[in-house]
Amino acid sequence: MEAFVSAVNDVVWSNALIYLCLGAGLFYSVLTRFSQVRHFKEMCKLLFSPNTSDKGISSFQALAVSLSGRVGVGNIAGVAAAIGFGGPGAIFWMWVVAFLGASTAYAESTLGQIYKTEENGQYRGGPAYYFDRCLGQKWLAVLFAVSAIIACGVFLPGVQANAVGNAFTQVFGDGNMVTTSFGDVGSFKLVALAIILIVLAFIIFGGIKRIANFTQIVVPFMALGYIVLALIVVFLNLDKVGDIFYLIISDAFTAQAGFGAAIGWGVKRGIYSNEAGQGTGPHAAAAAEVDHPAQQGLVQAFSVYVDTIFVCTATALMILITQQYNVVGELPAGQFIVQNVDAATEVGSAAFTQMALFSVFGSFGQAFVGIALFFFAFTTILAYYFIAETNIAYLNRYFKGSIPLVIVKFVIMFMVAYGMVNNSGYIWTIGDIGVGLMAWINILGILAIFFVAKPALLCLSDYEEQKKKGGKITFDPVKLGIKNATFWEKRLAKQSKDAE
């Protein structure tokens, strides 16, 4: 089974997808005239827009929900894996995919806002909605919705849970071994699993508002605390920082693990972490209450920076400065190109990060990584549930009923349990397949949308023009030649009627 999963992953994550992700980012960067740089100040300003309603959440809450998906195991264990398999140069390619991916995030999240709908008192949107309404390709919309439900409901939750279980074991040990249907599992890991399942059940049965209220507190707090610890490590080793950046940049092109390994692991783990191009971010973006779709597109572009440039870089610097890592070669399998720590240390886990913080802060640092992983992973699981729920809501127009959503809730809880007690490499590979499936469909779709209608670019130009003129920001899709943006058409008609 594991060999089959690895073979499927190799097909999904072929070089074609890696370069397609980079190419899509470059494509939208050029077309938006590098809006991720030009509008950086506007991104920061929009974060704290107070807009909210009974049907939608604020821009900051939408950022928190999307960050709960972006800031997760990929920022801690994923970065460690990128270094372990791709060498330090993989971090450079993570930066590249984040910089270019910010424009992809703008495009897909703006599309999510343009074509969102109001369903049962909540805003819904995402790739399934914009493939349907903009491209008019219902088959593609259904294909993405199904792939998102499988990926976020089945494949991905286990990755997050697995990292939490490994982190708890790293900090507390195994405890008493308990025989389960999955094999012998440490009692401490089972306690952590029980806590996750209880809290997860309470929140996912409460809807997007409960998820948003939880994540807007937890995500910024944990991300800030994590970055603060990283900065302390950096300031204690300022004399090494220049050499570390030189190592990252030079190894990106003369890679220790091979150029293909560096770019492959950097792009793969970068996309897994910041989600730009996956099609997951637009779901939270569509739930936001904003005056103009471009506003939420810019906010989501900023979230890519938070995820990769801030949090992932923090992890990389801690690992590389303290030299708590190994680099494994592809051929012959298992041979170390660089070995600084025990050969038994699992490359695909958060162990490198925990060891890095332990070397500076002692047991506190190791425990903090375990706690951070718990909250990062938990909020990511919540984001996955929300994405699965949104795509079930889309499919409900064809297959009526509440049973599928209930099934997904229990499947996610089962996969959390399954992922927590199983092999890391196997679980990560399954997660990679889920990410890759969504990325293939979404990136090809948003590129097709550009050639059909260019709505994301029209939105950006319209927003920039209104900002220059000053006054109240509004969005009129009909004036811009954007069709099927029925939510905004109805909203503008209501505003005009109220103004009379």
Protein backbone atom coordinates (compact mmCIF):
# COMPACT_ATOMS: atom_id res chain seq x y z
CA MET A 1 0.00 0.00 0.00
CA GLU A 2 2.77 2.42 0.95
CA ALA A 3 4.59 1.73 -2.34
CA PHE A 4 1.36 2.42 -4.26
CA VAL A 5 0.81 5.73 -2.43
CA SER A 6 4.40 6.79 -3.15
CA ALA A 7 3.98 5.95 -6.84
CA VAL A 8 0.80 8.04 -7.05
CA ASN A 9 2.56 10.92 -5.27
CA ASP A 10 5.42 10.82 -7.80
CA VAL A 11 2.92 11.20 -10.63
CA VAL A 12 0.95 14.00 -8.96
CA TRP A 13 4.06 15.91 -7.87
CA SER A 14 5.97 15.55 -11.11
CA ASN A 15 8.17 18.39 -12.33
CA ALA A 16 5.22 19.60 -14.40
CA LEU A 17 3.25 20.62 -11.30
CA ILE A 18 6.27 22.19 -9.61
CA TYR A 19 7.02 24.43 -12.59
CA LEU A 20 3.32 25.10 -13.20
CA CYS A 21 3.03 26.49 -9.66
CA LEU A 22 6.04 28.74 -10.17
CA GLY A 23 4.87 29.73 -13.65
CA ALA A 24 1.36 30.66 -12.48
CA GLY A 25 2.85 32.84 -9.76
CA LEU A 26 5.16 34.60 -12.22
CA PHE A 27 2.28 34.98 -14.70
CA TYR A 28 0.02 36.79 -12.23
CA SER A 29 2.93 38.75 -10.71
CA VAL A 30 3.72 40.29 -14.10
CA LEU A 31 0.07 40.90 -15.00
CA THR A 32 -0.70 42.60 -11.67
CA ARG A 33 2.55 44.58 -11.97
CA PHE A 34 3.79 42.86 -8.80
CA SER A 35 0.85 43.96 -6.68
CA GLN A 36 2.30 41.91 -3.82
CA VAL A 37 5.00 44.60 -3.58
CA ARG A 38 3.14 47.71 -4.76
CA HIS A 39 0.24 47.23 -2.36
CA PHE A 40 2.08 45.99 0.71
CA LYS A 41 1.03 49.03 2.77
CA GLU A 42 -2.58 48.62 1.64
CA MET A 43 -2.49 44.95 2.66
CA CYS A 44 -1.51 45.88 6.21
CA LYS A 45 -4.20 48.56 6.37
CA LEU A 46 -6.94 46.23 5.14
CA LEU A 47 -6.15 43.63 7.79
CA PHE A 48 -7.97 45.62 10.41
CA SER A 49 -11.04 46.58 8.42
CA PRO A 50 -13.94 46.38 10.91
CA ASN A 51 -16.48 45.07 8.39
CA THR A 52 -18.48 42.11 9.64
CA SER A 53 -22.08 40.91 9.57
CA ASP A 54 -24.34 38.07 10.60
CA LYS A 55 -23.58 36.44 7.24
CA GLY A 56 -19.88 37.21 6.89
CA ILE A 57 -16.73 37.53 8.95
CA SER A 58 -14.23 40.40 9.09
CA SER A 59 -11.12 40.60 6.92
CA PHE A 60 -8.97 39.83 9.97
CA GLN A 61 -11.10 36.82 10.85
CA ALA A 62 -10.89 35.61 7.24
CA LEU A 63 -7.11 36.09 7.44
CA ALA A 64 -7.06 34.11 10.70
CA VAL A 65 -9.13 31.28 9.21
CA SER A 66 -6.94 31.13 6.11
CA LEU A 67 -3.78 31.40 8.23
CA SER A 68 -5.06 28.56 10.37
CA GLY A 69 -4.82 26.53 7.15
CA ARG A 70 -1.53 28.06 6.04
CA VAL A 71 0.29 28.18 9.40
CA GLY A 72 0.44 24.57 10.46
CA VAL A 73 2.68 21.54 10.49
CA GLY A 74 4.24 22.67 7.21
CA ASN A 75 5.83 25.62 9.00
CA ILE A 76 7.57 23.47 11.60
CA ALA A 77 7.86 19.87 10.44
CA GLY A 78 7.55 20.77 6.74
CA VAL A 79 10.48 23.18 6.83
CA ALA A 80 12.54 20.59 8.68
CA ALA A 81 11.65 18.02 6.00
CA ALA A 82 12.56 20.47 3.21
CA ILE A 83 16.01 20.96 4.74
CA GLY A 84 16.43 17.26 5.52
CA PHE A 85 15.62 16.07 2.00
CA GLY A 86 16.46 19.14 -0.12
CA GLY A 87 19.28 20.79 1.82
CA PRO A 88 19.40 24.43 3.02
CA GLY A 89 18.85 25.64 -0.56
CA ALA A 90 15.26 24.38 -0.40
CA ILE A 91 14.47 27.39 1.82
CA PHE A 92 15.37 29.77 -1.00
CA TRP A 93 12.83 28.06 -3.25
CA MET A 94 10.26 28.31 -0.49
CA TRP A 95 10.85 32.09 -0.52
CA VAL A 96 10.50 32.18 -4.31
CA VAL A 97 7.24 30.26 -4.30
CA ALA A 98 5.93 32.54 -1.52
CA PHE A 99 6.83 35.76 -3.34
CA LEU A 100 5.35 34.61 -6.63
CA GLY A 101 2.54 32.73 -4.91
CA ALA A 102 1.31 35.91 -3.22
CA SER A 103 0.03 37.06 -6.61
CA THR A 104 -1.61 33.68 -7.20
CA ALA A 105 -3.26 34.00 -3.78
CA TYR A 106 -4.51 37.45 -4.76
CA ALA A 107 -6.05 36.12 -7.98
CA GLU A 108 -7.75 33.05 -6.52
CA SER A 109 -9.03 34.85 -3.40
CA THR A 110 -10.40 37.76 -5.44
CA LEU A 111 -12.20 35.26 -7.65
CA GLY A 112 -13.57 33.65 -4.51
CA GLN A 113 -15.06 36.99 -3.49
CA ILE A 114 -16.42 37.92 -6.94
CA TYR A 115 -18.35 34.69 -7.40
CA LYS A 116 -19.39 34.00 -3.81
CA THR A 117 -23.01 33.28 -2.91
CA GLU A 118 -25.18 33.56 0.16
CA GLU A 119 -26.43 30.17 1.29
CA ASN A 120 -28.42 29.51 4.46
CA GLY A 121 -27.31 32.79 5.99
CA GLN A 122 -23.58 32.31 5.26
CA TYR A 123 -21.25 33.47 2.50
CA ARG A 124 -19.85 30.60 0.46
CA GLY A 125 -17.27 30.59 -2.30
CA GLY A 126 -14.14 28.96 -3.65
CA PRO A 127 -12.80 27.33 -6.82
CA ALA A 128 -15.92 25.21 -7.35
CA TYR A 129 -18.02 28.37 -7.39
CA TYR A 130 -15.78 30.38 -9.74
CA PHE A 131 -15.23 27.48 -12.12
CA ASP A 132 -19.00 27.14 -12.35
CA ARG A 133 -19.94 30.83 -12.59
CA CYS A 134 -16.99 32.23 -14.55
CA LEU A 135 -15.92 29.37 -16.78
CA GLY A 136 -19.37 27.79 -16.94
CA GLN A 137 -17.70 24.40 -16.49
CA LYS A 138 -19.83 22.56 -13.95
CA TRP A 139 -17.88 19.34 -14.45
CA LEU A 140 -14.66 21.10 -13.42
CA ALA A 141 -16.41 22.66 -10.43
CA VAL A 142 -17.71 19.27 -9.29
CA LEU A 143 -14.28 17.71 -9.87
CA PHE A 144 -12.60 20.32 -7.66
CA ALA A 145 -15.30 20.06 -4.98
CA VAL A 146 -14.89 16.28 -4.81
CA SER A 147 -11.08 16.52 -4.75
CA ALA A 148 -11.22 19.17 -1.99
CA ILE A 149 -13.55 17.05 0.14
CA ILE A 150 -11.28 14.02 -0.26
CA ALA A 151 -8.09 16.01 0.31
CA CYS A 152 -9.27 18.14 3.25
CA GLY A 153 -11.63 15.60 4.75
CA VAL A 154 -9.50 12.46 4.34
CA PHE A 155 -5.89 12.99 3.22
CA LEU A 156 -4.72 16.12 5.05
CA PRO A 157 -6.02 16.02 8.66
CA GLY A 158 -3.85 13.01 9.44
CA VAL A 159 -0.66 14.93 8.62
CA GLN A 160 -1.43 17.58 11.22
CA ALA A 161 -2.41 15.04 13.87
CA ASN A 162 0.66 12.92 13.18
CA ALA A 163 2.99 15.86 13.83
CA VAL A 164 1.20 16.64 17.12
CA GLY A 165 1.58 13.05 18.26
CA ASN A 166 5.29 12.98 17.40
CA ALA A 167 5.85 16.31 19.17
CA PHE A 168 4.15 15.05 22.33
CA THR A 169 6.29 11.93 22.25
CA GLN A 170 9.43 14.03 21.77
CA VAL A 171 8.57 16.13 24.84
CA PHE A 172 6.95 13.64 27.22
CA GLY A 173 8.07 10.27 25.92
CA ASP A 174 5.72 7.39 25.18
CA GLY A 175 4.35 6.71 28.64
CA ASN A 176 2.76 3.31 29.05
CA MET A 177 2.26 1.44 25.79
CA VAL A 178 -1.35 0.63 24.96
CA THR A 179 -2.33 -2.03 22.43
CA THR A 180 -4.81 -0.70 19.84
CA SER A 181 -6.08 -1.84 16.46
CA PHE A 182 -3.35 0.38 14.95
CA GLY A 183 -0.63 -1.32 17.02
CA ASP A 184 1.07 -0.29 20.27
CA VAL A 185 0.63 3.42 21.01
CA GLY A 186 2.06 5.50 23.86
CA SER A 187 -0.45 6.61 26.51
CA PHE A 188 0.66 10.27 26.27
CA LYS A 189 -0.13 10.27 22.57
CA LEU A 190 -3.57 8.82 23.28
CA VAL A 191 -4.26 11.56 25.87
CA ALA A 192 -3.34 14.23 23.32
CA LEU A 193 -5.59 12.52 20.76
CA ALA A 194 -8.54 12.48 23.16
CA ILE A 195 -8.14 16.22 23.86
CA ILE A 196 -8.01 17.04 20.14
CA LEU A 197 -11.07 14.97 19.30
CA ILE A 198 -13.21 16.44 22.09
CA VAL A 199 -12.38 20.07 21.27
CA LEU A 200 -12.57 19.42 17.52
CA ALA A 201 -16.08 17.99 17.81
CA PHE A 202 -17.23 20.99 19.87
CA ILE A 203 -15.96 23.52 17.32
CA ILE A 204 -16.80 21.90 13.98
CA PHE A 205 -20.41 21.47 15.02
CA GLY A 206 -20.55 25.24 15.66
CA GLY A 207 -19.95 26.54 12.10
CA ILE A 208 -17.67 29.21 10.59
CA LYS A 209 -18.37 31.81 13.29
CA ARG A 210 -17.09 29.53 16.04
CA ILE A 211 -14.09 28.55 13.92
CA ALA A 212 -13.31 32.22 13.15
CA ASN A 213 -13.65 33.31 16.78
CA PHE A 214 -11.29 30.56 17.90
CA THR A 215 -8.65 31.02 15.21
CA GLN A 216 -8.49 34.84 15.41
CA ILE A 217 -7.20 34.49 18.97
CA VAL A 218 -5.05 31.38 18.80
CA VAL A 219 -3.29 31.78 15.44
CA PRO A 220 -1.83 35.29 15.91
CA PHE A 221 -0.81 34.54 19.51
CA MET A 222 1.04 31.32 18.70
CA ALA A 223 2.61 32.68 15.50
CA LEU A 224 3.88 35.77 17.33
CA GLY A 225 5.26 33.72 20.22
CA TYR A 226 7.00 31.37 17.81
CA ILE A 227 8.56 34.24 15.87
CA VAL A 228 9.73 35.91 19.13
CA LEU A 229 11.61 32.75 20.15
CA ALA A 230 13.18 32.57 16.70
CA LEU A 231 14.29 36.20 16.94
CA ILE A 232 15.93 35.48 20.30
CA VAL A 233 17.87 32.62 18.69
CA VAL A 234 18.89 34.93 15.84
CA PHE A 235 20.00 37.77 18.14
CA LEU A 236 22.04 35.35 20.24
CA ASN A 237 23.82 34.27 17.06
CA LEU A 238 23.98 37.46 15.00
CA ASP A 239 27.52 36.64 13.90
CA LYS A 240 26.22 33.53 12.12
CA VAL A 241 23.23 35.07 10.32
CA GLY A 242 25.16 36.31 7.29
CA ASP A 243 26.75 32.89 6.77
CA ILE A 244 23.36 31.19 7.07
CA PHE A 245 21.75 33.38 4.40
CA TYR A 246 24.78 32.80 2.16
CA LEU A 247 24.41 29.04 2.72
CA ILE A 248 20.71 29.13 1.80
CA ILE A 249 21.21 31.18 -1.37
CA SER A 250 24.35 29.43 -2.59
CA ASP A 251 22.93 25.97 -1.91
CA ALA A 252 19.82 26.84 -3.92
CA PHE A 253 21.92 26.61 -7.09
CA THR A 254 24.77 24.31 -6.04
CA ALA A 255 22.54 22.13 -3.92
CA GLN A 256 24.01 19.63 -1.48
CA ALA A 257 21.12 17.26 -2.15
CA GLY A 258 20.97 18.06 -5.86
CA PHE A 259 19.31 20.96 -7.67
CA GLY A 260 16.18 18.94 -8.38
CA ALA A 261 15.84 17.97 -4.71
CA ALA A 262 16.28 21.56 -3.53
CA ILE A 263 13.73 23.10 -5.88
CA GLY A 264 11.37 20.13 -5.63
CA TRP A 265 11.25 20.04 -1.83
CA GLY A 266 11.30 23.83 -1.56
CA VAL A 267 8.34 24.29 -3.91
CA LYS A 268 6.41 21.28 -2.61
CA ARG A 269 6.77 22.23 1.05
CA GLY A 270 6.29 25.92 0.22
CA ILE A 271 2.95 25.27 -1.48
CA TYR A 272 1.96 22.81 1.23
CA SER A 273 2.66 25.48 3.83
CA ASN A 274 1.45 28.76 2.29
CA GLU A 275 -1.29 27.12 0.14
CA ALA A 276 -0.91 29.67 -2.67
CA GLY A 277 -2.39 28.01 -5.76
CA GLN A 278 -3.98 25.09 -3.91
CA GLY A 279 -7.42 26.62 -4.02
CA THR A 280 -7.91 26.40 -0.25
CA GLY A 281 -7.47 30.10 0.61
CA PRO A 282 -10.45 31.34 -1.48
CA HIS A 283 -12.90 29.49 0.78
CA ALA A 284 -12.08 31.69 3.78
CA ALA A 285 -11.66 34.74 1.54
CA ALA A 286 -15.21 34.34 0.20
CA ALA A 287 -16.60 34.28 3.76
CA ALA A 288 -15.31 37.81 4.48
CA GLU A 289 -17.48 40.93 4.52
CA VAL A 290 -15.72 43.49 2.31
CA ASP A 291 -16.61 46.47 0.13
CA HIS A 292 -14.64 45.24 -2.88
CA PRO A 293 -13.34 41.77 -3.88
CA ALA A 294 -9.79 43.08 -4.44
CA GLN A 295 -9.55 43.99 -0.77
CA GLN A 296 -9.76 40.40 0.38
CA GLY A 297 -7.47 39.32 -2.44
CA LEU A 298 -4.77 41.64 -1.10
CA VAL A 299 -5.32 40.47 2.47
CA GLN A 300 -4.87 36.86 1.40
CA ALA A 301 -1.72 37.76 -0.53
CA PHE A 302 -0.32 39.16 2.72
CA SER A 303 -1.12 35.91 4.53
CA VAL A 304 1.34 34.11 2.25
CA TYR A 305 4.08 36.44 3.50
CA VAL A 306 3.11 35.80 7.13
CA ASP A 307 3.25 32.07 6.57
CA THR A 308 6.44 31.63 4.58
CA ILE A 309 8.56 34.77 4.90
CA PHE A 310 7.95 35.09 8.64
CA VAL A 311 7.08 31.73 10.21
CA CYS A 312 8.86 29.33 7.83
CA THR A 313 11.96 31.50 7.78
CA ALA A 314 11.90 31.58 11.58
CA THR A 315 11.98 27.77 11.63
CA ALA A 316 14.72 27.57 9.02
CA LEU A 317 16.99 30.06 10.80
CA MET A 318 16.64 28.25 14.13
CA ILE A 319 17.49 24.88 12.58
CA LEU A 320 20.40 26.12 10.47
CA ILE A 321 21.93 28.46 13.08
CA THR A 322 21.98 25.72 15.72
CA GLN A 323 22.99 23.11 13.09
CA GLN A 324 20.40 20.67 14.39
CA TYR A 325 19.73 18.89 11.10
CA ASN A 326 20.78 16.16 8.71
CA VAL A 327 20.53 16.12 4.92
CA VAL A 328 19.63 12.78 3.34
CA GLY A 329 20.67 11.88 -0.18
CA GLU A 330 18.30 10.24 -2.64
CA LEU A 331 20.89 7.81 -3.99
CA PRO A 332 21.95 5.61 -2.38
CA ALA A 333 18.82 5.76 -0.25
CA GLY A 334 19.39 6.81 3.34
CA GLN A 335 22.97 8.05 2.90
CA PHE A 336 23.65 11.30 4.78
CA ILE A 337 25.13 14.18 2.83
CA VAL A 338 25.25 16.23 6.01
CA GLN A 339 24.94 14.69 9.47
CA ASN A 340 24.90 16.95 12.51
CA VAL A 341 22.52 14.99 14.75
CA ASP A 342 21.69 11.38 15.56
CA ALA A 343 21.00 9.31 12.45
CA ALA A 344 17.86 7.92 14.09
CA THR A 345 16.24 11.38 14.14
CA GLU A 346 13.18 11.34 11.88
CA VAL A 347 13.70 13.79 8.99
CA GLY A 348 10.02 14.25 8.17
CA SER A 349 9.01 15.29 11.69
CA ALA A 350 9.38 18.39 13.88
CA ALA A 351 12.37 16.87 15.67
CA PHE A 352 14.95 19.22 14.06
CA THR A 353 12.96 22.24 15.21
CA GLN A 354 12.51 20.89 18.73
CA MET A 355 16.20 20.07 18.97
CA ALA A 356 17.12 23.55 17.75
CA LEU A 357 15.05 25.24 20.45
CA PHE A 358 16.20 22.74 23.07
CA SER A 359 19.83 23.67 22.32
CA VAL A 360 19.05 27.30 23.22
CA PHE A 361 16.15 27.22 25.69
CA GLY A 362 16.45 23.73 27.14
CA SER A 363 13.30 21.76 27.89
CA PHE A 364 11.17 24.91 27.66
CA GLY A 365 12.03 25.31 23.96
CA GLN A 366 11.25 21.69 23.22
CA ALA A 367 7.93 21.90 25.06
CA PHE A 368 7.03 25.18 23.31
CA VAL A 369 7.39 23.54 19.90
CA GLY A 370 5.09 20.77 21.06
CA ILE A 371 2.50 23.29 22.24
CA ALA A 372 2.86 25.41 19.09
CA LEU A 373 2.45 22.32 16.93
CA PHE A 374 -0.65 21.36 18.86
CA PHE A 375 -2.36 24.71 18.21
CA PHE A 376 -1.02 25.19 14.67
CA ALA A 377 -2.11 21.69 13.68
CA PHE A 378 -5.44 21.92 15.45
CA THR A 379 -6.42 25.19 13.78
CA THR A 380 -5.32 23.78 10.43
CA ILE A 381 -7.65 20.82 10.92
CA LEU A 382 -10.45 23.33 11.57
CA ALA A 383 -9.61 25.10 8.31
CA TYR A 384 -9.68 21.77 6.46
CA TYR A 385 -13.12 21.04 7.87
CA PHE A 386 -14.41 24.45 6.76
CA ILE A 387 -13.11 23.83 3.22
CA ALA A 388 -14.74 20.40 3.10
CA GLU A 389 -17.99 21.89 4.43
CA THR A 390 -17.99 24.63 1.79
CA ASN A 391 -17.54 22.15 -1.04
CA ILE A 392 -20.28 19.91 0.32
CA ALA A 393 -22.50 23.01 0.36
CA TYR A 394 -21.67 23.49 -3.34
CA LEU A 395 -22.48 19.87 -4.20
CA ASN A 396 -25.73 20.06 -2.24
CA ARG A 397 -27.29 21.91 -5.16
CA TYR A 398 -27.05 18.60 -7.01
CA PHE A 399 -27.29 16.12 -4.13
CA LYS A 400 -29.61 17.42 -1.44
CA GLY A 401 -29.24 16.27 2.16
CA SER A 402 -27.42 16.88 5.43
CA ILE A 403 -25.98 13.38 5.78
CA PRO A 404 -22.78 14.01 3.70
CA LEU A 405 -21.71 16.82 6.04
CA VAL A 406 -22.24 14.67 9.13
CA ILE A 407 -20.23 11.88 7.50
CA VAL A 408 -17.34 14.27 6.74
CA LYS A 409 -17.26 15.43 10.37
CA PHE A 410 -16.83 11.88 11.60
CA VAL A 411 -14.38 10.97 8.81
CA ILE A 412 -12.15 13.93 9.74
CA MET A 413 -12.18 12.82 13.37
CA PHE A 414 -11.32 9.27 12.33
CA MET A 415 -8.45 10.47 10.09
CA VAL A 416 -7.09 12.58 12.96
CA ALA A 417 -6.97 9.42 15.08
CA TYR A 418 -5.50 7.39 12.21
CA GLY A 419 -2.84 9.97 11.42
CA MET A 420 -1.76 10.39 15.01
CA VAL A 421 -0.80 6.77 15.50
CA ASN A 422 0.68 5.91 12.10
CA ASN A 423 3.97 6.29 10.26
CA SER A 424 5.02 9.89 9.47
CA GLY A 425 6.42 9.32 5.99
CA TYR A 426 3.35 7.44 4.84
CA ILE A 427 0.98 10.09 6.23
CA TRP A 428 2.96 12.97 4.69
CA THR A 429 2.87 11.26 1.30
CA ILE A 430 -0.92 10.95 1.48
CA GLY A 431 -1.11 14.65 2.40
CA ASP A 432 1.10 15.58 -0.55
CA ILE A 433 -1.27 13.77 -2.90
CA GLY A 434 -4.21 15.75 -1.53
CA VAL A 435 -2.40 19.07 -1.99
CA GLY A 436 -1.26 18.13 -5.47
CA LEU A 437 -4.72 17.12 -6.68
CA MET A 438 -6.24 20.45 -5.67
CA ALA A 439 -3.28 22.44 -7.01
CA TRP A 440 -3.46 20.83 -10.47
CA ILE A 441 -7.16 21.63 -10.88
CA ASN A 442 -7.06 25.09 -9.33
CA ILE A 443 -4.00 26.47 -11.11
CA LEU A 444 -5.11 25.25 -14.53
CA GLY A 445 -8.55 26.68 -13.79
CA ILE A 446 -7.42 30.17 -12.75
CA LEU A 447 -5.13 30.37 -15.76
CA ALA A 448 -8.10 29.46 -17.98
CA ILE A 449 -10.23 32.09 -16.24
CA PHE A 450 -7.68 34.77 -17.15
CA PHE A 451 -7.91 33.94 -20.83
CA VAL A 452 -11.71 33.81 -20.67
CA ALA A 453 -12.58 36.89 -18.62
CA LYS A 454 -9.66 38.42 -16.63
CA PRO A 455 -11.96 39.29 -13.69
CA ALA A 456 -9.23 39.38 -11.03
CA LEU A 457 -7.22 41.91 -13.04
CA LEU A 458 -10.28 44.02 -13.79
CA CYS A 459 -11.03 44.07 -10.07
CA LEU A 460 -7.53 45.24 -9.21
CA SER A 461 -7.59 48.05 -11.78
CA ASP A 462 -11.04 49.15 -10.59
CA TYR A 463 -9.95 49.17 -6.95
CA GLU A 464 -6.77 51.12 -7.72
CA GLU A 465 -8.76 53.70 -9.70
CA GLN A 466 -11.30 54.17 -6.90
CA LYS A 467 -8.52 54.54 -4.32
CA LYS A 468 -6.93 57.31 -6.38
CA LYS A 469 -10.22 59.20 -6.69
CA GLY A 470 -11.08 58.79 -3.01
CA GLY A 471 -14.57 58.40 -1.61
CA LYS A 472 -16.60 55.30 -0.87
CA ILE A 473 -15.38 52.04 -2.38
CA THR A 474 -18.02 50.07 -4.29
CA PHE A 475 -17.99 47.18 -6.73
CA ASP A 476 -20.11 47.08 -9.87
CA PRO A 477 -19.39 43.87 -11.81
CA VAL A 478 -21.71 44.80 -14.68
CA LYS A 479 -19.80 48.02 -15.36
CA LEU A 480 -16.58 45.98 -15.54
CA GLY A 481 -18.13 43.41 -17.87
CA ILE A 482 -17.98 40.65 -15.24
CA LYS A 483 -20.88 38.24 -15.61
CA ASN A 484 -22.60 35.97 -13.09
CA ALA A 485 -21.36 37.89 -10.02
CA THR A 486 -24.96 37.81 -8.79
CA PHE A 487 -24.18 38.45 -5.13
CA TRP A 488 -22.55 41.79 -5.95
CA GLU A 489 -25.23 42.72 -8.48
CA LYS A 490 -27.95 42.23 -5.85
CA ARG A 491 -25.92 44.05 -3.24
CA LEU A 492 -25.35 47.08 -5.48
CA ALA A 493 -29.04 47.16 -6.42
CA LYS A 494 -30.02 47.14 -2.75
CA GLN A 495 -27.53 49.92 -1.93
CA SER A 496 -28.92 52.04 -4.78
CA LYS A 497 -32.48 51.46 -3.60
CA ASP A 498 -31.61 52.35 0.01
CA ALA A 499 -29.91 55.55 -1.18
CA GLU A 500 -33.07 56.75 -2.97
